[in-house]
Amino acid sequence: MKRKIHIMGASGAGTSTLGAALAEKLPHTYLDTDDYFWTKKFTEQRAVPDRRELLQNDLLLYENWILSGAVCGWGDDFKNYFDLLIFLWIPKDIRLERLKERESQRYGKGVLPGGSNYEQSKTFLEWASLYDDAGLEVRSKTLHEQWMKDAPCPVLRIEGDYTVAERVNLVLNYLNSN
């Protein structure tokens, strides 16, 4: 059994959703990088040394864990902690629609022009739209591909628009056969 699993992919690819769903099926604690990255969700970033320390404390605290999200750049030292990397990718149009819906659920009318979260949401969606085509300068597929290439553990790639249940089954089947 893989005890230390990291799920990564673009924003909106479903890393958090898969991580939480797997933690319901496996004897693993679920951790999300957003809880380490942000002091105030999606508006105030935590200093890099502080987020590293918090994450390391939790990774060492639990014997079995699933970490979703991105640590590329600020958490490269954690790469050796992982027994398995799971990479999620879905087509850009589907991912961006999910993100727009999520923004609307989080902030309601605030994401509409003139709303209190309009500029923040617009900037976020523009950043998220770069994932498939950008280089190493931002969180991108290119950056993730390079990061995974140097990983000292197996990588399970799940590419395509699967349901959460289908993704969970793909991971459980992989874990049972390896």
N, C-alpha and C. Protein backbone atom coordinates (compact mmCIF):
# COMPACT_ATOMS: atom_id res chain seq x y z
N MET A 1 0.84 -1.19 0.00
CA MET A 1 0.00 0.00 0.00
C MET A 1 0.88 1.25 0.00
N LYS A 2 0.55 2.18 -0.84
CA LYS A 2 1.25 3.47 -0.87
C LYS A 2 0.72 4.29 0.30
N ARG A 3 1.63 4.74 1.15
CA ARG A 3 1.22 5.43 2.36
C ARG A 3 1.23 6.95 2.22
N LYS A 4 2.00 7.46 1.26
CA LYS A 4 2.18 8.90 1.13
C LYS A 4 1.91 9.31 -0.32
N ILE A 5 0.71 9.81 -0.56
CA ILE A 5 0.21 10.06 -1.90
C ILE A 5 0.05 11.56 -2.13
N HIS A 6 0.58 12.02 -3.25
CA HIS A 6 0.41 13.43 -3.63
C HIS A 6 -0.37 13.49 -4.93
N ILE A 7 -1.47 14.28 -4.93
CA ILE A 7 -2.30 14.45 -6.11
C ILE A 7 -2.08 15.87 -6.62
N MET A 8 -1.70 15.98 -7.90
CA MET A 8 -1.42 17.29 -8.46
C MET A 8 -2.08 17.45 -9.82
N GLY A 9 -2.23 18.69 -10.23
CA GLY A 9 -2.83 19.01 -11.51
C GLY A 9 -3.22 20.48 -11.51
N ALA A 10 -3.85 20.89 -12.57
CA ALA A 10 -4.28 22.28 -12.70
C ALA A 10 -5.37 22.61 -11.69
N SER A 11 -5.50 23.88 -11.40
CA SER A 11 -6.63 24.33 -10.60
C SER A 11 -7.90 23.98 -11.36
N GLY A 12 -8.82 23.32 -10.66
CA GLY A 12 -10.07 22.89 -11.29
C GLY A 12 -10.04 21.50 -11.87
N ALA A 13 -8.89 20.83 -11.78
CA ALA A 13 -8.78 19.47 -12.32
C ALA A 13 -9.40 18.43 -11.40
N GLY A 14 -9.61 18.79 -10.14
CA GLY A 14 -10.25 17.86 -9.21
C GLY A 14 -9.32 17.23 -8.19
N THR A 15 -8.16 17.83 -7.95
CA THR A 15 -7.22 17.23 -7.00
C THR A 15 -7.79 17.16 -5.59
N SER A 16 -8.39 18.25 -5.13
CA SER A 16 -8.97 18.27 -3.78
C SER A 16 -10.14 17.30 -3.67
N THR A 17 -10.97 17.27 -4.68
CA THR A 17 -12.13 16.39 -4.67
C THR A 17 -11.69 14.93 -4.62
N LEU A 18 -10.71 14.57 -5.45
CA LEU A 18 -10.21 13.20 -5.45
C LEU A 18 -9.54 12.87 -4.12
N GLY A 19 -8.74 13.79 -3.60
CA GLY A 19 -8.06 13.55 -2.33
C GLY A 19 -9.04 13.26 -1.20
N ALA A 20 -10.07 14.07 -1.10
CA ALA A 20 -11.07 13.87 -0.05
C ALA A 20 -11.82 12.56 -0.25
N ALA A 21 -12.15 12.24 -1.50
CA ALA A 21 -12.87 10.99 -1.78
C ALA A 21 -12.01 9.77 -1.47
N LEU A 22 -10.74 9.82 -1.80
CA LEU A 22 -9.84 8.70 -1.51
C LEU A 22 -9.66 8.52 0.00
N ALA A 23 -9.61 9.63 0.72
CA ALA A 23 -9.43 9.55 2.18
C ALA A 23 -10.63 8.88 2.85
N GLU A 24 -11.78 8.88 2.19
CA GLU A 24 -12.94 8.16 2.72
C GLU A 24 -12.84 6.66 2.50
N LYS A 25 -12.03 6.25 1.53
CA LYS A 25 -11.89 4.83 1.19
C LYS A 25 -10.62 4.20 1.75
N LEU A 26 -9.62 5.02 2.01
CA LEU A 26 -8.31 4.53 2.46
C LEU A 26 -8.05 4.98 3.90
N PRO A 27 -7.15 4.29 4.59
CA PRO A 27 -6.82 4.70 5.96
C PRO A 27 -5.80 5.84 5.96
N HIS A 28 -6.12 6.91 5.24
CA HIS A 28 -5.21 8.04 5.06
C HIS A 28 -5.85 9.33 5.57
N THR A 29 -5.02 10.21 6.10
CA THR A 29 -5.44 11.55 6.48
C THR A 29 -5.37 12.42 5.23
N TYR A 30 -6.38 13.25 5.05
CA TYR A 30 -6.41 14.13 3.88
C TYR A 30 -5.85 15.51 4.23
N LEU A 31 -4.92 15.97 3.41
CA LEU A 31 -4.30 17.29 3.57
C LEU A 31 -4.42 18.04 2.24
N ASP A 32 -4.61 19.35 2.30
CA ASP A 32 -4.74 20.16 1.10
C ASP A 32 -3.70 21.28 1.15
N THR A 33 -2.94 21.44 0.09
CA THR A 33 -1.88 22.46 0.07
C THR A 33 -2.43 23.87 0.28
N ASP A 34 -3.69 24.11 -0.07
CA ASP A 34 -4.26 25.44 0.16
C ASP A 34 -4.22 25.83 1.63
N ASP A 35 -4.33 24.84 2.51
CA ASP A 35 -4.30 25.11 3.95
C ASP A 35 -2.92 25.56 4.43
N TYR A 36 -1.90 25.28 3.66
CA TYR A 36 -0.54 25.67 4.00
C TYR A 36 -0.12 26.93 3.24
N PHE A 37 -0.60 27.05 2.03
CA PHE A 37 -0.22 28.16 1.14
C PHE A 37 -0.82 29.49 1.58
N TRP A 38 -2.07 29.44 2.05
CA TRP A 38 -2.80 30.68 2.35
C TRP A 38 -2.95 30.89 3.85
N THR A 39 -2.76 32.14 4.31
CA THR A 39 -3.14 32.49 5.68
C THR A 39 -4.61 32.90 5.69
N LYS A 40 -5.05 33.54 4.64
CA LYS A 40 -6.46 33.87 4.42
C LYS A 40 -6.78 33.36 3.03
N LYS A 41 -7.66 32.36 2.97
CA LYS A 41 -7.90 31.63 1.71
C LYS A 41 -8.04 32.55 0.50
N PHE A 42 -7.17 32.31 -0.45
CA PHE A 42 -7.20 32.89 -1.78
C PHE A 42 -6.94 34.39 -1.81
N THR A 43 -6.53 34.99 -0.68
CA THR A 43 -6.22 36.42 -0.71
C THR A 43 -4.87 36.76 -0.09
N GLU A 44 -4.47 36.05 0.97
CA GLU A 44 -3.19 36.34 1.63
C GLU A 44 -2.35 35.08 1.69
N GLN A 45 -1.19 35.12 1.03
CA GLN A 45 -0.29 33.98 1.02
C GLN A 45 0.54 33.94 2.30
N ARG A 46 0.80 32.73 2.75
CA ARG A 46 1.69 32.52 3.89
C ARG A 46 3.13 32.57 3.38
N ALA A 47 4.03 33.05 4.17
CA ALA A 47 5.46 33.09 3.79
C ALA A 47 5.95 31.67 3.53
N VAL A 48 6.81 31.52 2.53
CA VAL A 48 7.28 30.20 2.11
C VAL A 48 7.88 29.40 3.27
N PRO A 49 8.79 29.94 4.07
CA PRO A 49 9.34 29.13 5.17
C PRO A 49 8.25 28.64 6.14
N ASP A 50 7.26 29.48 6.39
CA ASP A 50 6.18 29.10 7.31
C ASP A 50 5.33 27.98 6.73
N ARG A 51 4.99 28.07 5.44
CA ARG A 51 4.15 27.00 4.85
C ARG A 51 4.93 25.69 4.78
N ARG A 52 6.23 25.78 4.50
CA ARG A 52 7.05 24.56 4.48
C ARG A 52 7.08 23.89 5.85
N GLU A 53 7.27 24.70 6.87
CA GLU A 53 7.33 24.15 8.23
C GLU A 53 6.01 23.51 8.63
N LEU A 54 4.90 24.19 8.37
CA LEU A 54 3.59 23.63 8.70
C LEU A 54 3.33 22.32 7.96
N LEU A 55 3.63 22.31 6.66
CA LEU A 55 3.40 21.10 5.88
C LEU A 55 4.30 19.97 6.36
N GLN A 56 5.56 20.25 6.58
CA GLN A 56 6.47 19.20 7.03
C GLN A 56 6.01 18.61 8.36
N ASN A 57 5.56 19.46 9.27
CA ASN A 57 5.07 18.96 10.56
C ASN A 57 3.94 17.97 10.36
N ASP A 58 3.00 18.29 9.47
CA ASP A 58 1.86 17.39 9.25
C ASP A 58 2.27 16.13 8.49
N LEU A 59 3.16 16.26 7.53
CA LEU A 59 3.60 15.07 6.78
C LEU A 59 4.33 14.09 7.68
N LEU A 60 5.03 14.61 8.68
CA LEU A 60 5.73 13.74 9.61
C LEU A 60 4.81 13.22 10.72
N LEU A 61 3.73 13.93 10.97
CA LEU A 61 2.80 13.56 12.03
C LEU A 61 2.00 12.31 11.69
N TYR A 62 1.58 12.20 10.44
CA TYR A 62 0.70 11.11 10.02
C TYR A 62 1.48 10.03 9.28
N GLU A 63 1.11 8.79 9.54
CA GLU A 63 1.77 7.66 8.87
C GLU A 63 1.28 7.52 7.43
N ASN A 64 -0.01 7.67 7.22
CA ASN A 64 -0.62 7.57 5.89
C ASN A 64 -1.32 8.90 5.59
N TRP A 65 -1.03 9.47 4.43
CA TRP A 65 -1.69 10.72 4.07
C TRP A 65 -1.83 10.86 2.57
N ILE A 66 -2.78 11.71 2.21
CA ILE A 66 -3.01 12.12 0.83
C ILE A 66 -2.93 13.63 0.83
N LEU A 67 -2.03 14.16 0.02
CA LEU A 67 -1.85 15.61 -0.11
C LEU A 67 -2.30 16.03 -1.50
N SER A 68 -3.28 16.93 -1.56
CA SER A 68 -3.73 17.42 -2.85
C SER A 68 -3.23 18.84 -3.06
N GLY A 69 -3.08 19.21 -4.33
CA GLY A 69 -2.67 20.56 -4.68
C GLY A 69 -1.26 20.61 -5.21
N ALA A 70 -0.71 21.80 -5.24
CA ALA A 70 0.60 22.00 -5.85
C ALA A 70 1.63 22.44 -4.81
N VAL A 71 2.80 21.82 -4.86
CA VAL A 71 3.92 22.24 -4.03
C VAL A 71 5.13 22.60 -4.90
N CYS A 72 4.95 22.55 -6.21
CA CYS A 72 6.05 22.87 -7.13
C CYS A 72 6.61 24.25 -6.82
N GLY A 73 7.92 24.32 -6.71
CA GLY A 73 8.58 25.58 -6.41
C GLY A 73 8.78 25.74 -4.92
N TRP A 74 7.72 26.00 -4.18
CA TRP A 74 7.87 26.26 -2.75
C TRP A 74 8.08 24.99 -1.94
N GLY A 75 7.69 23.83 -2.47
CA GLY A 75 7.81 22.60 -1.71
C GLY A 75 8.57 21.50 -2.42
N ASP A 76 9.52 21.89 -3.24
CA ASP A 76 10.28 20.89 -4.00
C ASP A 76 10.99 19.88 -3.10
N ASP A 77 11.37 20.30 -1.90
CA ASP A 77 12.06 19.40 -0.97
C ASP A 77 11.18 18.25 -0.50
N PHE A 78 9.88 18.37 -0.68
CA PHE A 78 8.97 17.31 -0.24
C PHE A 78 8.84 16.18 -1.26
N LYS A 79 9.42 16.35 -2.42
CA LYS A 79 9.28 15.35 -3.48
C LYS A 79 9.70 13.96 -3.00
N ASN A 80 10.70 13.90 -2.15
CA ASN A 80 11.19 12.60 -1.67
C ASN A 80 10.28 11.98 -0.62
N TYR A 81 9.29 12.71 -0.15
CA TYR A 81 8.35 12.17 0.83
C TYR A 81 7.32 11.24 0.18
N PHE A 82 7.07 11.41 -1.11
CA PHE A 82 5.94 10.76 -1.75
C PHE A 82 6.23 9.34 -2.19
N ASP A 83 5.26 8.44 -1.95
CA ASP A 83 5.31 7.06 -2.45
C ASP A 83 4.63 6.95 -3.81
N LEU A 84 3.73 7.89 -4.09
CA LEU A 84 2.97 7.88 -5.34
C LEU A 84 2.54 9.29 -5.67
N LEU A 85 2.74 9.68 -6.92
CA LEU A 85 2.20 10.94 -7.44
C LEU A 85 1.03 10.59 -8.35
N ILE A 86 -0.07 11.29 -8.20
CA ILE A 86 -1.20 11.14 -9.11
C ILE A 86 -1.35 12.46 -9.83
N PHE A 87 -1.31 12.43 -11.14
CA PHE A 87 -1.44 13.62 -11.96
C PHE A 87 -2.80 13.62 -12.63
N LEU A 88 -3.57 14.67 -12.39
CA LEU A 88 -4.88 14.81 -13.01
C LEU A 88 -4.84 15.87 -14.11
N TRP A 89 -5.46 15.55 -15.22
CA TRP A 89 -5.59 16.53 -16.31
C TRP A 89 -6.96 16.35 -16.94
N ILE A 90 -7.62 17.47 -17.18
CA ILE A 90 -8.88 17.47 -17.91
C ILE A 90 -8.80 18.57 -18.97
N PRO A 91 -9.59 18.47 -20.02
CA PRO A 91 -9.56 19.51 -21.05
C PRO A 91 -9.82 20.90 -20.47
N LYS A 92 -9.14 21.87 -21.03
CA LYS A 92 -9.18 23.25 -20.55
C LYS A 92 -10.60 23.80 -20.46
N ASP A 93 -11.41 23.58 -21.48
CA ASP A 93 -12.76 24.16 -21.48
C ASP A 93 -13.60 23.63 -20.32
N ILE A 94 -13.48 22.36 -20.02
CA ILE A 94 -14.23 21.76 -18.91
C ILE A 94 -13.71 22.31 -17.58
N ARG A 95 -12.40 22.38 -17.46
CA ARG A 95 -11.78 22.87 -16.23
C ARG A 95 -12.17 24.32 -15.96
N LEU A 96 -12.13 25.16 -16.97
CA LEU A 96 -12.47 26.57 -16.77
C LEU A 96 -13.95 26.76 -16.43
N GLU A 97 -14.81 25.94 -17.01
CA GLU A 97 -16.23 26.00 -16.64
C GLU A 97 -16.42 25.62 -15.18
N ARG A 98 -15.71 24.59 -14.73
CA ARG A 98 -15.77 24.19 -13.32
C ARG A 98 -15.33 25.34 -12.41
N LEU A 99 -14.24 26.00 -12.81
CA LEU A 99 -13.71 27.09 -12.00
C LEU A 99 -14.68 28.27 -11.96
N LYS A 100 -15.30 28.59 -13.08
CA LYS A 100 -16.27 29.69 -13.10
C LYS A 100 -17.44 29.37 -12.18
N GLU A 101 -17.90 28.13 -12.23
CA GLU A 101 -19.00 27.71 -11.37
C GLU A 101 -18.58 27.77 -9.90
N ARG A 102 -17.37 27.31 -9.61
CA ARG A 102 -16.88 27.34 -8.24
C ARG A 102 -16.76 28.78 -7.73
N GLU A 103 -16.26 29.67 -8.56
CA GLU A 103 -16.15 31.08 -8.18
C GLU A 103 -17.53 31.66 -7.88
N SER A 104 -18.49 31.32 -8.72
CA SER A 104 -19.86 31.80 -8.54
C SER A 104 -20.46 31.26 -7.23
N GLN A 105 -20.20 29.98 -6.93
CA GLN A 105 -20.70 29.40 -5.68
C GLN A 105 -20.05 30.05 -4.46
N ARG A 106 -18.76 30.33 -4.55
CA ARG A 106 -18.04 30.92 -3.43
C ARG A 106 -18.45 32.37 -3.17
N TYR A 107 -18.54 33.15 -4.23
CA TYR A 107 -18.68 34.59 -4.09
C TYR A 107 -20.00 35.16 -4.60
N GLY A 108 -20.86 34.33 -5.16
CA GLY A 108 -22.16 34.78 -5.64
C GLY A 108 -22.06 35.91 -6.64
N LYS A 109 -22.88 36.92 -6.45
CA LYS A 109 -22.91 38.06 -7.39
C LYS A 109 -21.64 38.89 -7.33
N GLY A 110 -20.81 38.63 -6.34
CA GLY A 110 -19.55 39.37 -6.22
C GLY A 110 -18.61 39.16 -7.40
N VAL A 111 -18.81 38.07 -8.17
CA VAL A 111 -17.94 37.82 -9.32
C VAL A 111 -18.42 38.51 -10.59
N LEU A 112 -19.59 39.11 -10.52
CA LEU A 112 -20.11 39.83 -11.68
C LEU A 112 -19.43 41.19 -11.81
N PRO A 113 -19.40 41.77 -13.02
CA PRO A 113 -18.78 43.10 -13.19
C PRO A 113 -19.32 44.09 -12.16
N GLY A 114 -18.39 44.77 -11.50
CA GLY A 114 -18.75 45.71 -10.45
C GLY A 114 -18.85 45.09 -9.08
N GLY A 115 -18.83 43.77 -9.01
CA GLY A 115 -18.92 43.07 -7.73
C GLY A 115 -17.65 43.14 -6.93
N SER A 116 -17.77 42.85 -5.63
CA SER A 116 -16.63 42.97 -4.72
C SER A 116 -15.51 41.98 -5.02
N ASN A 117 -15.81 40.87 -5.67
CA ASN A 117 -14.78 39.88 -6.01
C ASN A 117 -14.52 39.78 -7.52
N TYR A 118 -15.04 40.71 -8.28
CA TYR A 118 -14.92 40.64 -9.73
C TYR A 118 -13.47 40.61 -10.20
N GLU A 119 -12.68 41.58 -9.76
CA GLU A 119 -11.28 41.67 -10.23
C GLU A 119 -10.48 40.46 -9.77
N GLN A 120 -10.66 40.06 -8.52
CA GLN A 120 -9.94 38.89 -8.00
C GLN A 120 -10.30 37.64 -8.80
N SER A 121 -11.57 37.44 -9.06
CA SER A 121 -12.03 36.27 -9.80
C SER A 121 -11.53 36.31 -11.24
N LYS A 122 -11.61 37.47 -11.86
CA LYS A 122 -11.13 37.64 -13.24
C LYS A 122 -9.64 37.31 -13.34
N THR A 123 -8.85 37.83 -12.41
CA THR A 123 -7.40 37.57 -12.39
C THR A 123 -7.12 36.09 -12.19
N PHE A 124 -7.85 35.47 -11.27
CA PHE A 124 -7.67 34.04 -11.01
C PHE A 124 -7.99 33.21 -12.25
N LEU A 125 -9.10 33.49 -12.90
CA LEU A 125 -9.49 32.72 -14.09
C LEU A 125 -8.51 32.92 -15.24
N GLU A 126 -7.98 34.13 -15.38
CA GLU A 126 -6.96 34.38 -16.41
C GLU A 126 -5.71 33.56 -16.11
N TRP A 127 -5.30 33.53 -14.83
CA TRP A 127 -4.14 32.73 -14.43
C TRP A 127 -4.39 31.25 -14.69
N ALA A 128 -5.56 30.76 -14.31
CA ALA A 128 -5.89 29.34 -14.48
C ALA A 128 -5.94 28.95 -15.96
N SER A 129 -6.31 29.88 -16.82
CA SER A 129 -6.40 29.58 -18.25
C SER A 129 -5.03 29.38 -18.89
N LEU A 130 -3.97 29.79 -18.22
CA LEU A 130 -2.61 29.66 -18.76
C LEU A 130 -2.06 28.24 -18.63
N TYR A 131 -2.64 27.40 -17.78
CA TYR A 131 -2.05 26.13 -17.38
C TYR A 131 -1.58 25.26 -18.55
N ASP A 132 -2.38 25.07 -19.56
CA ASP A 132 -2.04 24.13 -20.63
C ASP A 132 -0.96 24.63 -21.58
N ASP A 133 -0.76 25.92 -21.67
CA ASP A 133 0.15 26.47 -22.67
C ASP A 133 1.34 27.23 -22.12
N ALA A 134 1.36 27.54 -20.84
CA ALA A 134 2.43 28.35 -20.26
C ALA A 134 3.71 27.53 -20.07
N GLY A 135 4.78 28.23 -19.81
CA GLY A 135 6.08 27.60 -19.56
C GLY A 135 6.29 27.37 -18.08
N LEU A 136 7.55 27.42 -17.69
CA LEU A 136 7.94 27.10 -16.32
C LEU A 136 7.72 28.25 -15.34
N GLU A 137 7.35 29.42 -15.85
CA GLU A 137 7.25 30.61 -15.01
C GLU A 137 6.01 30.63 -14.12
N VAL A 138 5.01 29.80 -14.43
CA VAL A 138 3.79 29.73 -13.63
C VAL A 138 3.42 28.27 -13.43
N ARG A 139 2.43 28.04 -12.56
CA ARG A 139 1.90 26.68 -12.40
C ARG A 139 1.30 26.27 -13.74
N SER A 140 1.94 25.30 -14.37
CA SER A 140 1.54 24.92 -15.72
C SER A 140 1.76 23.42 -15.92
N LYS A 141 1.19 22.92 -16.99
CA LYS A 141 1.40 21.51 -17.33
C LYS A 141 2.89 21.27 -17.61
N THR A 142 3.54 22.23 -18.25
CA THR A 142 4.98 22.12 -18.53
C THR A 142 5.76 21.98 -17.22
N LEU A 143 5.44 22.82 -16.24
CA LEU A 143 6.12 22.76 -14.94
C LEU A 143 5.83 21.43 -14.25
N HIS A 144 4.58 21.00 -14.27
CA HIS A 144 4.23 19.73 -13.63
C HIS A 144 4.91 18.55 -14.31
N GLU A 145 4.96 18.57 -15.64
CA GLU A 145 5.63 17.48 -16.37
C GLU A 145 7.10 17.41 -15.97
N GLN A 146 7.76 18.55 -15.91
CA GLN A 146 9.17 18.56 -15.52
C GLN A 146 9.33 18.07 -14.09
N TRP A 147 8.46 18.52 -13.22
CA TRP A 147 8.53 18.14 -11.81
C TRP A 147 8.34 16.64 -11.64
N MET A 148 7.39 16.07 -12.37
CA MET A 148 7.13 14.62 -12.25
C MET A 148 8.26 13.79 -12.83
N LYS A 149 8.92 14.31 -13.85
CA LYS A 149 10.00 13.58 -14.50
C LYS A 149 11.11 13.24 -13.51
N ASP A 150 11.33 14.11 -12.54
CA ASP A 150 12.38 13.90 -11.55
C ASP A 150 11.88 13.22 -10.28
N ALA A 151 10.63 12.82 -10.27
CA ALA A 151 10.05 12.22 -9.05
C ALA A 151 10.67 10.85 -8.79
N PRO A 152 11.02 10.58 -7.54
CA PRO A 152 11.61 9.29 -7.19
C PRO A 152 10.57 8.20 -6.89
N CYS A 153 9.34 8.43 -7.32
CA CYS A 153 8.27 7.46 -7.06
C CYS A 153 7.44 7.29 -8.33
N PRO A 154 6.58 6.29 -8.35
CA PRO A 154 5.72 6.11 -9.54
C PRO A 154 4.74 7.27 -9.71
N VAL A 155 4.34 7.49 -10.96
CA VAL A 155 3.36 8.52 -11.29
C VAL A 155 2.18 7.83 -11.97
N LEU A 156 1.00 8.03 -11.42
CA LEU A 156 -0.24 7.55 -12.03
C LEU A 156 -0.89 8.75 -12.70
N ARG A 157 -1.02 8.68 -14.01
CA ARG A 157 -1.62 9.76 -14.79
C ARG A 157 -3.09 9.42 -15.06
N ILE A 158 -3.97 10.33 -14.71
CA ILE A 158 -5.39 10.19 -15.01
C ILE A 158 -5.76 11.39 -15.86
N GLU A 159 -5.88 11.16 -17.14
CA GLU A 159 -6.12 12.26 -18.07
C GLU A 159 -7.45 12.04 -18.78
N GLY A 160 -8.32 13.02 -18.67
CA GLY A 160 -9.64 12.94 -19.27
C GLY A 160 -10.70 13.34 -18.27
N ASP A 161 -11.91 13.48 -18.74
CA ASP A 161 -13.02 13.93 -17.91
C ASP A 161 -13.73 12.73 -17.30
N TYR A 162 -13.23 12.28 -16.15
CA TYR A 162 -13.81 11.15 -15.43
C TYR A 162 -14.62 11.66 -14.26
N THR A 163 -15.58 10.87 -13.83
CA THR A 163 -16.31 11.21 -12.61
C THR A 163 -15.39 10.96 -11.42
N VAL A 164 -15.79 11.46 -10.27
CA VAL A 164 -15.01 11.23 -9.06
C VAL A 164 -14.95 9.73 -8.77
N ALA A 165 -16.07 9.05 -8.89
CA ALA A 165 -16.11 7.60 -8.63
C ALA A 165 -15.17 6.85 -9.59
N GLU A 166 -15.15 7.25 -10.84
CA GLU A 166 -14.25 6.59 -11.80
C GLU A 166 -12.79 6.83 -11.44
N ARG A 167 -12.48 8.04 -11.02
CA ARG A 167 -11.10 8.33 -10.61
C ARG A 167 -10.71 7.54 -9.37
N VAL A 168 -11.60 7.49 -8.40
CA VAL A 168 -11.34 6.71 -7.19
C VAL A 168 -11.07 5.26 -7.57
N ASN A 169 -11.90 4.69 -8.42
CA ASN A 169 -11.70 3.30 -8.85
C ASN A 169 -10.39 3.11 -9.58
N LEU A 170 -10.00 4.05 -10.42
CA LEU A 170 -8.70 3.96 -11.11
C LEU A 170 -7.56 3.92 -10.10
N VAL A 171 -7.63 4.78 -9.09
CA VAL A 171 -6.57 4.82 -8.08
C VAL A 171 -6.58 3.54 -7.25
N LEU A 172 -7.75 3.11 -6.81
CA LEU A 172 -7.82 1.89 -5.98
C LEU A 172 -7.35 0.67 -6.77
N ASN A 173 -7.72 0.58 -8.03
CA ASN A 173 -7.23 -0.52 -8.87
C ASN A 173 -5.71 -0.47 -9.01
N TYR A 174 -5.17 0.72 -9.19
CA TYR A 174 -3.71 0.87 -9.29
C TYR A 174 -3.06 0.41 -7.99
N LEU A 175 -3.58 0.88 -6.86
CA LEU A 175 -2.99 0.52 -5.56
C LEU A 175 -3.07 -0.97 -5.31
N ASN A 176 -4.17 -1.59 -5.71
CA ASN A 176 -4.33 -3.04 -5.51
C ASN A 176 -3.41 -3.87 -6.40
N SER A 177 -3.04 -3.32 -7.54
CA SER A 177 -2.20 -4.10 -8.46
C SER A 177 -0.72 -3.77 -8.33
N ASN A 178 -0.36 -2.81 -7.50
CA ASN A 178 1.05 -2.43 -7.33
C ASN A 178 1.45 -2.55 -5.88
